[in-house]
Amino acid sequence: MIGVNKVILVGNVGKNPDVVTFPSEGALPVKKASFPLATTEARRLRDGEREEVTEWHNVVCWRGLADVAERILTKGAQVYIEGRLQSRTWEDKEGNKRHVTEVVADSLLLLSKRQNEERRTNPLMDILNADTEPLGDLPF
């Protein structure tokens, strides 16, 4: 039987992404960005009161998606994430067994407006508005 490992989250970034670059022999370095994501769910209790429950998720982005996360994500930004769950187990320096479950992102979409002016620039508009030489007479 074939299984499905698919996660879709909409939440708020808990802190700016931590970015690590790993050297790679004969190829481009591999980049990893990781950050916590908070998802909040509203529930009604039996007495009619409303309760909000927040769940924290560890999100990991690799390579090109890590570049995107590094450029556009800031603490508090609302983001849509699609990916898969991955669990790891290891022993720490003291010999304790550690376990973590992460969401390995396949795609990311920023839902909130960007928070600072520096990140509001549109790279495509920067290219189009760049001070370049005129192309001259085009043959068409």
C-alpha atoms as a PDB file:
ATOM      1  CA  MET A   1       0.000   0.000   0.000  1.00  0.00           C
ATOM      2  CA  ILE A   2       1.256   3.491  -0.824  1.00  0.00           C
ATOM      3  CA  GLY A   3       1.104   6.115   1.925  1.00  0.00           C
ATOM      4  CA  VAL A   4       0.658   9.858   1.825  1.00  0.00           C
ATOM      5  CA  ASN A   5       2.770  12.253   3.888  1.00  0.00           C
ATOM      6  CA  LYS A   6       1.328  15.726   3.272  1.00  0.00           C
ATOM      7  CA  VAL A   7       1.129  18.726   5.599  1.00  0.00           C
ATOM      8  CA  ILE A   8      -0.601  22.061   4.979  1.00  0.00           C
ATOM      9  CA  LEU A   9      -0.173  24.803   7.578  1.00  0.00           C
ATOM     10  CA  VAL A  10      -1.239  28.430   7.810  1.00  0.00           C
ATOM     11  CA  GLY A  11       0.306  30.260  10.716  1.00  0.00           C
ATOM     12  CA  ASN A  12       2.652  32.930  12.005  1.00  0.00           C
ATOM     13  CA  VAL A  13       6.444  32.767  11.965  1.00  0.00           C
ATOM     14  CA  GLY A  14       7.736  32.601  15.556  1.00  0.00           C
ATOM     15  CA  LYS A  15      11.171  34.107  14.834  1.00  0.00           C
ATOM     16  CA  ASN A  16      13.319  35.082  11.879  1.00  0.00           C
ATOM     17  CA  PRO A  17      14.652  31.994  10.075  1.00  0.00           C
ATOM     18  CA  ASP A  18      17.953  30.491  11.222  1.00  0.00           C
ATOM     19  CA  VAL A  19      20.006  29.956   8.065  1.00  0.00           C
ATOM     20  CA  VAL A  20      22.949  27.564   7.748  1.00  0.00           C
ATOM     21  CA  THR A  21      25.015  27.000   4.599  1.00  0.00           C
ATOM     22  CA  PHE A  22      26.697  23.632   4.137  1.00  0.00           C
ATOM     23  CA  PRO A  23      29.694  23.385   1.809  1.00  0.00           C
ATOM     24  CA  SER A  24      29.345  20.926  -1.048  1.00  0.00           C
ATOM     25  CA  GLU A  25      32.171  19.408  -3.115  1.00  0.00           C
ATOM     26  CA  GLY A  26      32.114  20.450  -6.756  1.00  0.00           C
ATOM     27  CA  ALA A  27      28.659  21.983  -6.495  1.00  0.00           C
ATOM     28  CA  LEU A  28      26.900  24.974  -5.070  1.00  0.00           C
ATOM     29  CA  PRO A  29      26.669  25.119  -1.270  1.00  0.00           C
ATOM     30  CA  VAL A  30      23.441  23.763   0.218  1.00  0.00           C
ATOM     31  CA  LYS A  31      21.405  26.190   2.315  1.00  0.00           C
ATOM     32  CA  LYS A  32      18.992  25.277   5.127  1.00  0.00           C
ATOM     33  CA  ALA A  33      16.529  27.687   6.774  1.00  0.00           C
ATOM     34  CA  SER A  34      14.561  26.671   9.867  1.00  0.00           C
ATOM     35  CA  PHE A  35      11.970  28.527  11.915  1.00  0.00           C
ATOM     36  CA  PRO A  36       9.098  27.862  14.320  1.00  0.00           C
ATOM     37  CA  LEU A  37       5.539  28.316  13.028  1.00  0.00           C
ATOM     38  CA  ALA A  38       2.544  28.886  15.315  1.00  0.00           C
ATOM     39  CA  THR A  39      -0.914  27.730  14.272  1.00  0.00           C
ATOM     40  CA  THR A  40      -3.847  28.833  16.404  1.00  0.00           C
ATOM     41  CA  GLU A  41      -7.205  27.092  16.571  1.00  0.00           C
ATOM     42  CA  ALA A  42     -10.314  28.548  18.192  1.00  0.00           C
ATOM     43  CA  ARG A  43     -12.556  26.155  20.140  1.00  0.00           C
ATOM     44  CA  ARG A  44     -15.850  26.525  21.965  1.00  0.00           C
ATOM     45  CA  LEU A  45     -15.950  25.027  25.427  1.00  0.00           C
ATOM     46  CA  ARG A  46     -19.069  23.373  26.859  1.00  0.00           C
ATOM     47  CA  ASP A  47     -19.933  26.482  28.851  1.00  0.00           C
ATOM     48  CA  GLY A  48     -19.912  28.561  25.647  1.00  0.00           C
ATOM     49  CA  GLU A  49     -16.570  30.213  26.309  1.00  0.00           C
ATOM     50  CA  ARG A  50     -14.131  30.501  23.452  1.00  0.00           C
ATOM     51  CA  GLU A  51     -10.606  29.102  23.850  1.00  0.00           C
ATOM     52  CA  GLU A  52      -7.619  29.546  21.556  1.00  0.00           C
ATOM     53  CA  VAL A  53      -5.087  26.727  21.368  1.00  0.00           C
ATOM     54  CA  THR A  54      -1.695  27.368  19.772  1.00  0.00           C
ATOM     55  CA  GLU A  55       0.446  24.572  18.360  1.00  0.00           C
ATOM     56  CA  TRP A  56       4.116  25.123  17.464  1.00  0.00           C
ATOM     57  CA  HIS A  57       5.715  23.427  14.441  1.00  0.00           C
ATOM     58  CA  ASN A  58       9.384  23.206  13.433  1.00  0.00           C
ATOM     59  CA  VAL A  59       9.646  24.105   9.715  1.00  0.00           C
ATOM     60  CA  VAL A  60      12.720  23.392   7.583  1.00  0.00           C
ATOM     61  CA  CYS A  61      13.372  24.720   4.070  1.00  0.00           C
ATOM     62  CA  TRP A  62      16.240  23.538   1.851  1.00  0.00           C
ATOM     63  CA  ARG A  63      18.180  25.000  -1.084  1.00  0.00           C
ATOM     64  CA  GLY A  64      16.239  27.570  -3.164  1.00  0.00           C
ATOM     65  CA  LEU A  65      13.288  27.621  -0.792  1.00  0.00           C
ATOM     66  CA  ALA A  66      15.722  28.398   2.033  1.00  0.00           C
ATOM     67  CA  ASP A  67      16.896  31.442   0.036  1.00  0.00           C
ATOM     68  CA  VAL A  68      13.285  32.590  -0.324  1.00  0.00           C
ATOM     69  CA  ALA A  69      12.570  32.062   3.383  1.00  0.00           C
ATOM     70  CA  GLU A  70      15.698  34.001   4.336  1.00  0.00           C
ATOM     71  CA  ARG A  71      14.709  36.960   2.110  1.00  0.00           C
ATOM     72  CA  ILE A  72      10.993  37.295   2.860  1.00  0.00           C
ATOM     73  CA  LEU A  73      10.168  35.780   6.261  1.00  0.00           C
ATOM     74  CA  THR A  74      10.260  37.791   9.457  1.00  0.00           C
ATOM     75  CA  LYS A  75       8.910  37.170  12.934  1.00  0.00           C
ATOM     76  CA  GLY A  76       5.114  37.526  12.983  1.00  0.00           C
ATOM     77  CA  ALA A  77       4.596  37.122   9.225  1.00  0.00           C
ATOM     78  CA  GLN A  78       1.631  34.990   8.249  1.00  0.00           C
ATOM     79  CA  VAL A  79       2.620  32.191   5.873  1.00  0.00           C
ATOM     80  CA  TYR A  80       1.127  29.201   4.039  1.00  0.00           C
ATOM     81  CA  ILE A  81       3.350  26.102   4.063  1.00  0.00           C
ATOM     82  CA  GLU A  82       3.010  22.811   2.176  1.00  0.00           C
ATOM     83  CA  GLY A  83       5.368  19.969   2.919  1.00  0.00           C
ATOM     84  CA  ARG A  84       5.849  16.628   4.623  1.00  0.00           C
ATOM     85  CA  LEU A  85       6.587  15.377   8.131  1.00  0.00           C
ATOM     86  CA  GLN A  86      10.028  14.050   8.942  1.00  0.00           C
ATOM     87  CA  SER A  87      11.181  12.617  12.286  1.00  0.00           C
ATOM     88  CA  ARG A  88      14.783  12.330  13.475  1.00  0.00           C
ATOM     89  CA  THR A  89      16.377  10.692  16.506  1.00  0.00           C
ATOM     90  CA  TRP A  90      19.909  11.268  17.831  1.00  0.00           C
ATOM     91  CA  GLU A  91      21.997  11.253  20.988  1.00  0.00           C
ATOM     92  CA  ASP A  92      23.155  14.563  22.462  1.00  0.00           C
ATOM     93  CA  LYS A  93      26.554  15.212  24.070  1.00  0.00           C
ATOM     94  CA  GLU A  94      25.336  13.910  27.443  1.00  0.00           C
ATOM     95  CA  GLY A  95      24.118  10.640  25.890  1.00  0.00           C
ATOM     96  CA  ASN A  96      20.403  11.528  26.096  1.00  0.00           C
ATOM     97  CA  LYS A  97      18.227  10.249  23.297  1.00  0.00           C
ATOM     98  CA  ARG A  98      16.581  13.182  21.472  1.00  0.00           C
ATOM     99  CA  HIS A  99      13.667  13.141  19.047  1.00  0.00           C
ATOM    100  CA  VAL A 100      12.243  15.850  16.805  1.00  0.00           C
ATOM    101  CA  THR A 101       9.486  15.981  14.207  1.00  0.00           C
ATOM    102  CA  GLU A 102       9.825  18.656  11.533  1.00  0.00           C
ATOM    103  CA  VAL A 103       7.803  19.908   8.590  1.00  0.00           C
ATOM    104  CA  VAL A 104      10.058  19.824   5.536  1.00  0.00           C
ATOM    105  CA  ALA A 105       8.570  22.534   3.330  1.00  0.00           C
ATOM    106  CA  ASP A 106       8.050  21.987  -0.392  1.00  0.00           C
ATOM    107  CA  SER A 107       6.359  25.349  -0.980  1.00  0.00           C
ATOM    108  CA  LEU A 108       5.858  28.567   0.903  1.00  0.00           C
ATOM    109  CA  LEU A 109       3.535  31.522   0.315  1.00  0.00           C
ATOM    110  CA  LEU A 110       3.708  34.777   2.249  1.00  0.00           C
ATOM    111  CA  LEU A 111       0.157  35.823   3.217  1.00  0.00           C
ATOM    112  CA  SER A 112       0.799  38.960   5.263  1.00  0.00           C
ATOM    113  CA  LYS A 113       2.210  42.213   3.979  1.00  0.00           C
ATOM    114  CA  ARG A 114       5.951  42.483   4.329  1.00  0.00           C
ATOM    115  CA  GLN A 115       6.925  44.339   7.438  1.00  0.00           C
ATOM    116  CA  ASN A 116       9.850  46.491   6.476  1.00  0.00           C
ATOM    117  CA  GLU A 117      10.576  48.740   3.509  1.00  0.00           C
ATOM    118  CA  GLU A 118      13.773  46.951   2.555  1.00  0.00           C
ATOM    119  CA  ARG A 119      11.870  43.732   1.922  1.00  0.00           C
ATOM    120  CA  ARG A 120       9.069  45.444  -0.008  1.00  0.00           C
ATOM    121  CA  THR A 121      11.088  45.856  -3.165  1.00  0.00           C
ATOM    122  CA  ASN A 122       9.966  43.786  -6.094  1.00  0.00           C
ATOM    123  CA  PRO A 123      13.037  42.239  -7.773  1.00  0.00           C
ATOM    124  CA  LEU A 124      11.326  42.210 -11.179  1.00  0.00           C
ATOM    125  CA  MET A 125      10.495  45.911 -10.929  1.00  0.00           C
ATOM    126  CA  ASP A 126      14.084  46.609  -9.871  1.00  0.00           C
ATOM    127  CA  ILE A 127      15.312  44.955 -13.068  1.00  0.00           C
ATOM    128  CA  LEU A 128      12.777  46.741 -15.262  1.00  0.00           C
ATOM    129  CA  ASN A 129      13.519  50.129 -13.692  1.00  0.00           C
ATOM    130  CA  ALA A 130      17.291  49.680 -13.698  1.00  0.00           C
ATOM    131  CA  ASP A 131      19.347  52.369 -15.385  1.00  0.00           C
ATOM    132  CA  THR A 132      20.519  50.425 -18.450  1.00  0.00           C
ATOM    133  CA  GLU A 133      21.568  51.272 -21.976  1.00  0.00           C
ATOM    134  CA  PRO A 134      18.740  51.618 -24.485  1.00  0.00           C
ATOM    135  CA  LEU A 135      18.333  48.627 -26.756  1.00  0.00           C
ATOM    136  CA  GLY A 136      18.338  50.815 -29.862  1.00  0.00           C
ATOM    137  CA  ASP A 137      16.265  50.007 -32.931  1.00  0.00           C
ATOM    138  CA  LEU A 138      14.661  46.627 -32.593  1.00  0.00           C
ATOM    139  CA  PRO A 139      14.184  44.667 -35.844  1.00  0.00           C
ATOM    140  CA  PHE A 140      10.498  44.046 -35.208  1.00  0.00           C
END
